[in-house]
PDB file of all heavy atoms in Angstrom:
ATOM      1  N   ILE A   1     147.904  96.320  69.462  1.00  0.00           N
ATOM      2  CA  ILE A   1     148.050  97.112  68.238  1.00  0.00           C
ATOM      3  C   ILE A   1     146.735  97.812  67.897  1.00  0.00           C
ATOM      4  O   ILE A   1     146.719  98.977  67.489  1.00  0.00           O
ATOM      5  CB  ILE A   1     148.515  96.210  67.082  1.00  0.00           C
ATOM      6  CG1 ILE A   1     149.957  95.750  67.324  1.00  0.00           C
ATOM      7  CG2 ILE A   1     148.399  96.925  65.743  1.00  0.00           C
ATOM      8  CD1 ILE A   1     150.420  94.652  66.393  1.00  0.00           C
ATOM      9  N   LEU A   2     145.620  97.096  68.065  1.00  0.00           N
ATOM     10  CA  LEU A   2     144.306  97.668  67.771  1.00  0.00           C
ATOM     11  C   LEU A   2     143.801  98.575  68.893  1.00  0.00           C
ATOM     12  O   LEU A   2     142.880  99.368  68.689  1.00  0.00           O
ATOM     13  CB  LEU A   2     143.291  96.543  67.538  1.00  0.00           C
ATOM     14  CG  LEU A   2     143.594  95.592  66.382  1.00  0.00           C
ATOM     15  CD1 LEU A   2     142.554  94.481  66.328  1.00  0.00           C
ATOM     16  CD2 LEU A   2     143.652  96.338  65.055  1.00  0.00           C
ATOM     17  N   GLY A   3     144.419  98.474  70.054  1.00  0.00           N
ATOM     18  CA  GLY A   3     143.931  99.175  71.235  1.00  0.00           C
ATOM     19  C   GLY A   3     143.816 100.681  71.108  1.00  0.00           C
ATOM     20  O   GLY A   3     142.768 101.256  71.431  1.00  0.00           O
ATOM     21  N   PRO A   4     144.857 101.397  70.663  1.00  0.00           N
ATOM     22  CA  PRO A   4     144.736 102.857  70.575  1.00  0.00           C
ATOM     23  C   PRO A   4     143.551 103.317  69.732  1.00  0.00           C
ATOM     24  O   PRO A   4     142.839 104.254  70.116  1.00  0.00           O
ATOM     25  CB  PRO A   4     146.078 103.269  69.964  1.00  0.00           C
ATOM     26  CG  PRO A   4     147.038 102.220  70.429  1.00  0.00           C
ATOM     27  CD  PRO A   4     146.240 100.943  70.405  1.00  0.00           C
ATOM     28  N   ALA A   5     143.311 102.674  68.592  1.00  0.00           N
ATOM     29  CA  ALA A   5     142.186 103.077  67.740  1.00  0.00           C
ATOM     30  C   ALA A   5     140.853 102.896  68.455  1.00  0.00           C
ATOM     31  O   ALA A   5     139.914 103.670  68.233  1.00  0.00           O
ATOM     32  CB  ALA A   5     142.194 102.259  66.447  1.00  0.00           C
ATOM     33  N   ILE A   6     140.763 101.887  69.324  1.00  0.00           N
ATOM     34  CA  ILE A   6     139.507 101.612  70.029  1.00  0.00           C
ATOM     35  C   ILE A   6     139.310 102.574  71.194  1.00  0.00           C
ATOM     36  O   ILE A   6     138.249 103.174  71.355  1.00  0.00           O
ATOM     37  CB  ILE A   6     139.471 100.150  70.504  1.00  0.00           C
ATOM     38  CG1 ILE A   6     139.343  99.225  69.282  1.00  0.00           C
ATOM     39  CG2 ILE A   6     138.329  99.912  71.482  1.00  0.00           C
ATOM     40  CD1 ILE A   6     139.460  97.763  69.603  1.00  0.00           C
ATOM     41  N   ILE A   7     140.330 102.756  72.020  1.00  0.00           N
ATOM     42  CA  ILE A   7     140.139 103.575  73.222  1.00  0.00           C
ATOM     43  C   ILE A   7     140.037 105.058  72.898  1.00  0.00           C
ATOM     44  O   ILE A   7     139.367 105.805  73.618  1.00  0.00           O
ATOM     45  CB  ILE A   7     141.242 103.318  74.270  1.00  0.00           C
ATOM     46  CG1 ILE A   7     142.610 103.772  73.780  1.00  0.00           C
ATOM     47  CG2 ILE A   7     141.271 101.841  74.655  1.00  0.00           C
ATOM     48  CD1 ILE A   7     143.710 103.656  74.838  1.00  0.00           C
ATOM     49  N   VAL A   8     140.675 105.507  71.805  1.00  0.00           N
ATOM     50  CA  VAL A   8     140.604 106.925  71.463  1.00  0.00           C
ATOM     51  C   VAL A   8     139.219 107.284  70.917  1.00  0.00           C
ATOM     52  O   VAL A   8     138.793 108.436  71.018  1.00  0.00           O
ATOM     53  CB  VAL A   8     141.719 107.295  70.467  1.00  0.00           C
ATOM     54  CG1 VAL A   8     141.520 108.684  69.889  1.00  0.00           C
ATOM     55  CG2 VAL A   8     143.079 107.224  71.164  1.00  0.00           C
ATOM     56  N   ARG A   9     138.495 106.309  70.377  1.00  0.00           N
ATOM     57  CA  ARG A   9     137.123 106.570  69.928  1.00  0.00           C
ATOM     58  C   ARG A   9     136.220 106.916  71.106  1.00  0.00           C
ATOM     59  O   ARG A   9     135.295 107.708  70.970  1.00  0.00           O
ATOM     60  CB  ARG A   9     136.551 105.333  69.235  1.00  0.00           C
ATOM     61  CG  ARG A   9     137.225 104.968  67.945  1.00  0.00           C
ATOM     62  CD  ARG A   9     136.589 103.711  67.378  1.00  0.00           C
ATOM     63  NE  ARG A   9     137.302 103.246  66.197  1.00  0.00           N
ATOM     64  CZ  ARG A   9     136.897 102.234  65.443  1.00  0.00           C
ATOM     65  NH1 ARG A   9     135.778 101.599  65.743  1.00  0.00           N
ATOM     66  NH2 ARG A   9     137.592 101.861  64.393  1.00  0.00           N
ATOM     67  N   GLN A  10     136.457 106.280  72.256  1.00  0.00           N
ATOM     68  CA  GLN A  10     135.610 106.463  73.439  1.00  0.00           C
ATOM     69  C   GLN A  10     136.484 106.566  74.687  1.00  0.00           C
ATOM     70  O   GLN A  10     136.499 105.655  75.518  1.00  0.00           O
ATOM     71  CB  GLN A  10     134.623 105.308  73.563  1.00  0.00           C
ATOM     72  CG  GLN A  10     133.620 105.207  72.418  1.00  0.00           C
ATOM     73  CD  GLN A  10     132.701 104.026  72.600  1.00  0.00           C
ATOM     74  OE1 GLN A  10     133.116 102.867  72.577  1.00  0.00           O
ATOM     75  NE2 GLN A  10     131.418 104.308  72.797  1.00  0.00           N
ATOM     76  N   PRO A  11     137.214 107.654  74.841  1.00  0.00           N
ATOM     77  CA  PRO A  11     138.121 107.765  75.991  1.00  0.00           C
ATOM     78  C   PRO A  11     137.416 107.661  77.338  1.00  0.00           C
ATOM     79  O   PRO A  11     137.979 107.095  78.285  1.00  0.00           O
ATOM     80  CB  PRO A  11     138.756 109.144  75.799  1.00  0.00           C
ATOM     81  CG  PRO A  11     138.624 109.424  74.345  1.00  0.00           C
ATOM     82  CD  PRO A  11     137.325 108.802  73.945  1.00  0.00           C
ATOM     83  N   ALA A  12     136.199 108.200  77.446  1.00  0.00           N
ATOM     84  CA  ALA A  12     135.489 108.131  78.718  1.00  0.00           C
ATOM     85  C   ALA A  12     135.070 106.695  79.034  1.00  0.00           C
ATOM     86  O   ALA A  12     134.948 106.324  80.204  1.00  0.00           O
ATOM     87  CB  ALA A  12     134.262 109.034  78.690  1.00  0.00           C
ATOM     88  N   ARG A  13     134.850 105.905  78.009  1.00  0.00           N
ATOM     89  CA  ARG A  13     134.487 104.503  78.215  1.00  0.00           C
ATOM     90  C   ARG A  13     135.711 103.663  78.558  1.00  0.00           C
ATOM     91  O   ARG A  13     135.620 102.709  79.314  1.00  0.00           O
ATOM     92  CB  ARG A  13     133.824 103.942  76.952  1.00  0.00           C
ATOM     93  CG  ARG A  13     133.178 102.584  77.161  1.00  0.00           C
ATOM     94  CD  ARG A  13     132.638 102.023  75.871  1.00  0.00           C
ATOM     95  NE  ARG A  13     131.791 100.873  76.109  1.00  0.00           N
ATOM     96  CZ  ARG A  13     131.486  99.980  75.187  1.00  0.00           C
ATOM     97  NH1 ARG A  13     131.975 100.109  73.954  1.00  0.00           N
ATOM     98  NH2 ARG A  13     130.699  98.951  75.467  1.00  0.00           N
ATOM     99  N   PHE A  14     136.863 104.014  77.969  1.00  0.00           N
ATOM    100  CA  PHE A  14     138.121 103.311  78.231  1.00  0.00           C
ATOM    101  C   PHE A  14     139.176 104.328  78.674  1.00  0.00           C
ATOM    102  O   PHE A  14     140.124 104.609  77.940  1.00  0.00           O
ATOM    103  CB  PHE A  14     138.593 102.582  76.975  1.00  0.00           C
ATOM    104  CG  PHE A  14     137.694 101.476  76.510  1.00  0.00           C
ATOM    105  CD1 PHE A  14     136.926 101.624  75.370  1.00  0.00           C
ATOM    106  CD2 PHE A  14     137.619 100.281  77.211  1.00  0.00           C
ATOM    107  CE1 PHE A  14     136.094 100.611  74.926  1.00  0.00           C
ATOM    108  CE2 PHE A  14     136.790  99.251  76.788  1.00  0.00           C
ATOM    109  CZ  PHE A  14     136.029  99.411  75.641  1.00  0.00           C
ATOM    110  N   PRO A  15     139.035 104.874  79.884  1.00  0.00           N
ATOM    111  CA  PRO A  15     139.998 105.893  80.314  1.00  0.00           C
ATOM    112  C   PRO A  15     141.354 105.318  80.722  1.00  0.00           C
ATOM    113  O   PRO A  15     142.304 106.076  80.901  1.00  0.00           O
ATOM    114  CB  PRO A  15     139.298 106.540  81.514  1.00  0.00           C
ATOM    115  CG  PRO A  15     138.429 105.451  82.066  1.00  0.00           C
ATOM    116  CD  PRO A  15     137.965 104.673  80.868  1.00  0.00           C
ATOM    117  N   ARG A  16     141.424 103.991  80.844  1.00  0.00           N
ATOM    118  CA  ARG A  16     142.677 103.342  81.248  1.00  0.00           C
ATOM    119  C   ARG A  16     142.939 102.168  80.312  1.00  0.00           C
ATOM    120  O   ARG A  16     142.005 101.475  79.892  1.00  0.00           O
ATOM    121  CB  ARG A  16     142.597 102.854  82.695  1.00  0.00           C
ATOM    122  CG  ARG A  16     142.417 103.984  83.695  1.00  0.00           C
ATOM    123  CD  ARG A  16     142.131 103.453  85.082  1.00  0.00           C
ATOM    124  NE  ARG A  16     142.018 104.538  86.038  1.00  0.00           N
ATOM    125  CZ  ARG A  16     140.919 105.259  86.233  1.00  0.00           C
ATOM    126  NH1 ARG A  16     139.814 104.984  85.540  1.00  0.00           N
ATOM    127  NH2 ARG A  16     140.907 106.238  87.106  1.00  0.00           N
ATOM    128  N   ALA A  17     144.212 101.926  80.037  1.00  0.00           N
ATOM    129  CA  ALA A  17     144.562 100.832  79.133  1.00  0.00           C
ATOM    130  C   ALA A  17     145.905 100.245  79.536  1.00  0.00           C
ATOM    131  O   ALA A  17     146.793 100.950  80.038  1.00  0.00           O
ATOM    132  CB  ALA A  17     144.616 101.314  77.683  1.00  0.00           C
ATOM    133  N   VAL A  18     146.031  98.945  79.312  1.00  0.00           N
ATOM    134  CA  VAL A  18     147.307  98.241  79.442  1.00  0.00           C
ATOM    135  C   VAL A  18     147.600  97.628  78.079  1.00  0.00           C
ATOM    136  O   VAL A  18     146.854  96.764  77.612  1.00  0.00           O
ATOM    137  CB  VAL A  18     147.259  97.147  80.516  1.00  0.00           C
ATOM    138  CG1 VAL A  18     148.608  96.426  80.594  1.00  0.00           C
ATOM    139  CG2 VAL A  18     146.887  97.724  81.874  1.00  0.00           C
ATOM    140  N   LEU A  19     148.659  98.091  77.433  1.00  0.00           N
ATOM    141  CA  LEU A  19     149.037  97.606  76.108  1.00  0.00           C
ATOM    142  C   LEU A  19     150.291  96.748  76.268  1.00  0.00           C
ATOM    143  O   LEU A  19     151.361  97.253  76.625  1.00  0.00           O
ATOM    144  CB  LEU A  19     149.276  98.772  75.159  1.00  0.00           C
ATOM    145  CG  LEU A  19     148.077  99.731  74.999  1.00  0.00           C
ATOM    146  CD1 LEU A  19     148.420 100.855  74.022  1.00  0.00           C
ATOM    147  CD2 LEU A  19     146.821  98.986  74.551  1.00  0.00           C
ATOM    148  N   ILE A  20     150.135  95.453  76.005  1.00  0.00           N
ATOM    149  CA  ILE A  20     151.191  94.476  76.255  1.00  0.00           C
ATOM    150  C   ILE A  20     151.823  94.055  74.935  1.00  0.00           C
ATOM    151  O   ILE A  20     151.140  93.512  74.055  1.00  0.00           O
ATOM    152  CB  ILE A  20     150.623  93.231  76.965  1.00  0.00           C
ATOM    153  CG1 ILE A  20     149.828  93.619  78.209  1.00  0.00           C
ATOM    154  CG2 ILE A  20     151.734  92.248  77.320  1.00  0.00           C
ATOM    155  CD1 ILE A  20     148.927  92.520  78.733  1.00  0.00           C
ATOM    156  N   GLU A  21     153.096  94.340  74.779  1.00  0.00           N
ATOM    157  CA  GLU A  21     153.829  93.892  73.593  1.00  0.00           C
ATOM    158  C   GLU A  21     153.185  94.380  72.298  1.00  0.00           C
ATOM    159  O   GLU A  21     152.963  93.598  71.363  1.00  0.00           O
ATOM    160  CB  GLU A  21     153.952  92.362  73.601  1.00  0.00           C
ATOM    161  CG  GLU A  21     155.031  91.820  74.514  1.00  0.00           C
ATOM    162  CD  GLU A  21     156.422  92.168  73.991  1.00  0.00           C
ATOM    163  OE1 GLU A  21     156.834  91.617  72.958  1.00  0.00           O
ATOM    164  OE2 GLU A  21     157.083  93.012  74.606  1.00  0.00           O
ATOM    165  N   GLY A  22     152.865  95.649  72.237  1.00  0.00           N
ATOM    166  CA  GLY A  22     152.309  96.199  71.005  1.00  0.00           C
ATOM    167  C   GLY A  22     151.576  97.506  71.246  1.00  0.00           C
ATOM    168  O   GLY A  22     151.225  97.836  72.377  1.00  0.00           O
ATOM    169  N   GLY A  23     151.344  98.237  70.173  1.00  0.00           N
ATOM    170  CA  GLY A  23     150.542  99.447  70.226  1.00  0.00           C
ATOM    171  C   GLY A  23     151.299 100.728  70.462  1.00  0.00           C
ATOM    172  O   GLY A  23     150.756 101.820  70.244  1.00  0.00           O
ATOM    173  N   GLU A  24     152.563 100.633  70.881  1.00  0.00           N
ATOM    174  CA  GLU A  24     153.297 101.864  71.189  1.00  0.00           C
ATOM    175  C   GLU A  24     153.551 102.696  69.930  1.00  0.00           C
ATOM    176  O   GLU A  24     153.619 103.928  69.992  1.00  0.00           O
ATOM    177  CB  GLU A  24     154.619 101.543  71.901  1.00  0.00           C
ATOM    178  CG  GLU A  24     155.669 100.839  71.073  1.00  0.00           C
ATOM    179  CD  GLU A  24     155.475  99.343  70.972  1.00  0.00           C
ATOM    180  OE1 GLU A  24     154.537  98.807  71.604  1.00  0.00           O
ATOM    181  OE2 GLU A  24     156.260  98.703  70.258  1.00  0.00           O
ATOM    182  N   ASP A  25     153.681 102.031  68.779  1.00  0.00           N
ATOM    183  CA  ASP A  25     153.980 102.762  67.549  1.00  0.00           C
ATOM    184  C   ASP A  25     152.727 103.351  66.897  1.00  0.00           C
ATOM    185  O   ASP A  25     152.828 104.008  65.851  1.00  0.00           O
ATOM    186  CB  ASP A  25     154.707 101.852  66.562  1.00  0.00           C
ATOM    187  CG  ASP A  25     153.899 100.619  66.187  1.00  0.00           C
ATOM    188  OD1 ASP A  25     152.900 100.315  66.877  1.00  0.00           O
ATOM    189  OD2 ASP A  25     154.267  99.945  65.201  1.00  0.00           O
ATOM    190  N   ARG A  26     151.558 103.148  67.473  1.00  0.00           N
ATOM    191  CA  ARG A  26     150.316 103.690  66.912  1.00  0.00           C
ATOM    192  C   ARG A  26     149.985 105.079  67.439  1.00  0.00           C
ATOM    193  O   ARG A  26     149.064 105.720  66.947  1.00  0.00           O
ATOM    194  CB  ARG A  26     149.155 102.730  67.203  1.00  0.00           C
ATOM    195  CG  ARG A  26     149.345 101.337  66.609  1.00  0.00           C
ATOM    196  CD  ARG A  26     149.546 101.418  65.115  1.00  0.00           C
ATOM    197  NE  ARG A  26     149.989 100.173  64.522  1.00  0.00           N
ATOM    198  CZ  ARG A  26     149.211  99.385  63.785  1.00  0.00           C
ATOM    199  NH1 ARG A  26     147.951  99.730  63.578  1.00  0.00           N
ATOM    200  NH2 ARG A  26     149.700  98.286  63.256  1.00  0.00           N
ATOM    201  N   TRP A  27     150.722 105.532  68.460  1.00  0.00           N
ATOM    202  CA  TRP A  27     150.405 106.826  69.050  1.00  0.00           C
ATOM    203  C   TRP A  27     151.076 107.967  68.291  1.00  0.00           C
ATOM    204  O   TRP A  27     152.226 107.864  67.884  1.00  0.00           O
ATOM    205  CB  TRP A  27     150.831 106.865  70.514  1.00  0.00           C
ATOM    206  CG  TRP A  27     149.984 105.996  71.382  1.00  0.00           C
ATOM    207  CD1 TRP A  27     150.259 104.720  71.786  1.00  0.00           C
ATOM    208  CD2 TRP A  27     148.698 106.316  71.922  1.00  0.00           C
ATOM    209  NE1 TRP A  27     149.224 104.228  72.549  1.00  0.00           N
ATOM    210  CE2 TRP A  27     148.253 105.193  72.645  1.00  0.00           C
ATOM    211  CE3 TRP A  27     147.891 107.445  71.870  1.00  0.00           C
ATOM    212  CZ2 TRP A  27     147.037 105.174  73.315  1.00  0.00           C
ATOM    213  CZ3 TRP A  27     146.665 107.435  72.518  1.00  0.00           C
ATOM    214  CH2 TRP A  27     146.253 106.309  73.238  1.00  0.00           C
ATOM    215  N   THR A  28     150.328 109.046  68.102  1.00  0.00           N
ATOM    216  CA  THR A  28     150.853 110.294  67.551  1.00  0.00           C
ATOM    217  C   THR A  28     150.496 111.399  68.543  1.00  0.00           C
ATOM    218  O   THR A  28     149.619 111.215  69.406  1.00  0.00           O
ATOM    219  CB  THR A  28     150.208 110.618  66.196  1.00  0.00           C
ATOM    220  OG1 THR A  28     148.796 110.836  66.394  1.00  0.00           O
ATOM    221  CG2 THR A  28     150.408 109.470  65.206  1.00  0.00           C
ATOM    222  N   PRO A  29     151.135 112.566  68.453  1.00  0.00           N
ATOM    223  CA  PRO A  29     150.746 113.664  69.345  1.00  0.00           C
ATOM    224  C   PRO A  29     149.270 114.010  69.234  1.00  0.00           C
ATOM    225  O   PRO A  29     148.611 114.286  70.245  1.00  0.00           O
ATOM    226  CB  PRO A  29     151.637 114.815  68.872  1.00  0.00           C
ATOM    227  CG  PRO A  29     152.862 114.140  68.336  1.00  0.00           C
ATOM    228  CD  PRO A  29     152.356 112.894  67.675  1.00  0.00           C
ATOM    229  N   ALA A  30     148.718 113.972  68.013  1.00  0.00           N
ATOM    230  CA  ALA A  30     147.300 114.308  67.831  1.00  0.00           C
ATOM    231  C   ALA A  30     146.407 113.263  68.495  1.00  0.00           C
ATOM    232  O   ALA A  30     145.403 113.597  69.130  1.00  0.00           O
ATOM    233  CB  ALA A  30     146.967 114.411  66.345  1.00  0.00           C
ATOM    234  N   LEU A  31     146.780 111.980  68.367  1.00  0.00           N
ATOM    235  CA  LEU A  31     145.980 110.909  68.974  1.00  0.00           C
ATOM    236  C   LEU A  31     146.050 110.993  70.498  1.00  0.00           C
ATOM    237  O   LEU A  31     145.034 110.828  71.193  1.00  0.00           O
ATOM    238  CB  LEU A  31     146.488 109.551  68.495  1.00  0.00           C
ATOM    239  CG  LEU A  31     145.486 108.393  68.506  1.00  0.00           C
ATOM    240  CD1 LEU A  31     144.357 108.658  67.529  1.00  0.00           C
ATOM    241  CD2 LEU A  31     146.190 107.088  68.164  1.00  0.00           C
ATOM    242  N   ALA A  32     147.233 111.261  71.029  1.00  0.00           N
ATOM    243  CA  ALA A  32     147.384 111.395  72.477  1.00  0.00           C
ATOM    244  C   ALA A  32     146.560 112.573  73.000  1.00  0.00           C
ATOM    245  O   ALA A  32     145.910 112.473  74.052  1.00  0.00           O
ATOM    246  CB  ALA A  32     148.857 111.575  72.827  1.00  0.00           C
ATOM    247  N   ALA A  33     146.564 113.683  72.265  1.00  0.00           N
ATOM    248  CA  ALA A  33     145.791 114.853  72.682  1.00  0.00           C
ATOM    249  C   ALA A  33     144.292 114.559  72.655  1.00  0.00           C
ATOM    250  O   ALA A  33     143.546 114.988  73.543  1.00  0.00           O
ATOM    251  CB  ALA A  33     146.118 116.041  71.771  1.00  0.00           C
ATOM    252  N   LYS A  34     143.854 113.838  71.639  1.00  0.00           N
ATOM    253  CA  LYS A  34     142.437 113.478  71.548  1.00  0.00           C
ATOM    254  C   LYS A  34     142.026 112.577  72.706  1.00  0.00           C
ATOM    255  O   LYS A  34     140.942 112.737  73.284  1.00  0.00           O
ATOM    256  CB  LYS A  34     142.164 112.781  70.210  1.00  0.00           C
ATOM    257  CG  LYS A  34     140.700 112.443  69.980  1.00  0.00           C
ATOM    258  CD  LYS A  34     140.486 111.823  68.606  1.00  0.00           C
ATOM    259  CE  LYS A  34     139.018 111.458  68.391  1.00  0.00           C
ATOM    260  NZ  LYS A  34     138.802 110.826  67.063  1.00  0.00           N
ATOM    261  N   TYR A  35     142.884 111.636  73.055  1.00  0.00           N
ATOM    262  CA  TYR A  35     142.582 110.728  74.170  1.00  0.00           C
ATOM    263  C   TYR A  35     142.507 111.512  75.479  1.00  0.00           C
ATOM    264  O   TYR A  35     141.598 111.307  76.290  1.00  0.00           O
ATOM    265  CB  TYR A  35     143.652 109.646  74.237  1.00  0.00           C
ATOM    266  CG  TYR A  35     143.364 108.544  75.240  1.00  0.00           C
ATOM    267  CD1 TYR A  35     142.166 107.826  75.192  1.00  0.00           C
ATOM    268  CD2 TYR A  35     144.288 108.206  76.225  1.00  0.00           C
ATOM    269  CE1 TYR A  35     141.905 106.820  76.098  1.00  0.00           C
ATOM    270  CE2 TYR A  35     144.045 107.194  77.133  1.00  0.00           C
ATOM    271  CZ  TYR A  35     142.846 106.497  77.064  1.00  0.00           C
ATOM    272  OH  TYR A  35     142.594 105.492  77.968  1.00  0.00           O
ATOM    273  N   ALA A  36     143.439 112.419  75.675  1.00  0.00           N
ATOM    274  CA  ALA A  36     143.432 113.238  76.893  1.00  0.00           C
ATOM    275  C   ALA A  36     142.194 114.124  76.963  1.00  0.00           C
ATOM    276  O   ALA A  36     141.528 114.209  78.007  1.00  0.00           O
ATOM    277  CB  ALA A  36     144.690 114.091  76.949  1.00  0.00           C
ATOM    278  N   LYS A  37     141.851 114.755  75.872  1.00  0.00           N
ATOM    279  CA  LYS A  37     140.703 115.663  75.847  1.00  0.00           C
ATOM    280  C   LYS A  37     139.402 114.926  76.125  1.00  0.00           C
ATOM    281  O   LYS A  37     138.481 115.464  76.760  1.00  0.00           O
ATOM    282  CB  LYS A  37     140.625 116.361  74.492  1.00  0.00           C
ATOM    283  CG  LYS A  37     139.518 117.402  74.396  1.00  0.00           C
ATOM    284  CD  LYS A  37     139.541 118.112  73.052  1.00  0.00           C
ATOM    285  CE  LYS A  37     138.419 119.152  72.964  1.00  0.00           C
ATOM    286  NZ  LYS A  37     138.444 119.847  71.648  1.00  0.00           N
ATOM    287  N   GLY A  38     139.299 113.674  75.673  1.00  0.00           N
ATOM    288  CA  GLY A  38     138.075 112.904  75.864  1.00  0.00           C
ATOM    289  C   GLY A  38     137.951 112.235  77.213  1.00  0.00           C
ATOM    290  O   GLY A  38     136.916 111.626  77.508  1.00  0.00           O
ATOM    291  N   GLY A  39     139.012 112.282  78.041  1.00  0.00           N
ATOM    292  CA  GLY A  39     138.931 111.693  79.367  1.00  0.00           C
ATOM    293  C   GLY A  39     139.919 110.581  79.640  1.00  0.00           C
ATOM    294  O   GLY A  39     139.857 109.935  80.691  1.00  0.00           O
TER     295      GLY A  39
END
C-alpha cells in the first residue's frame, strides 16, 4: 500500500517493484506517468 508513494518519489532508485496483496488502488494516471517519466 505504501509502495507507490515511495517508488514514485525516486523512480530511478526503484525502477522495478513487486506489490503483493495491496497497492493497486493507489495508482492514478498522473502517478503512473510520473513513475514512467522518472525511469
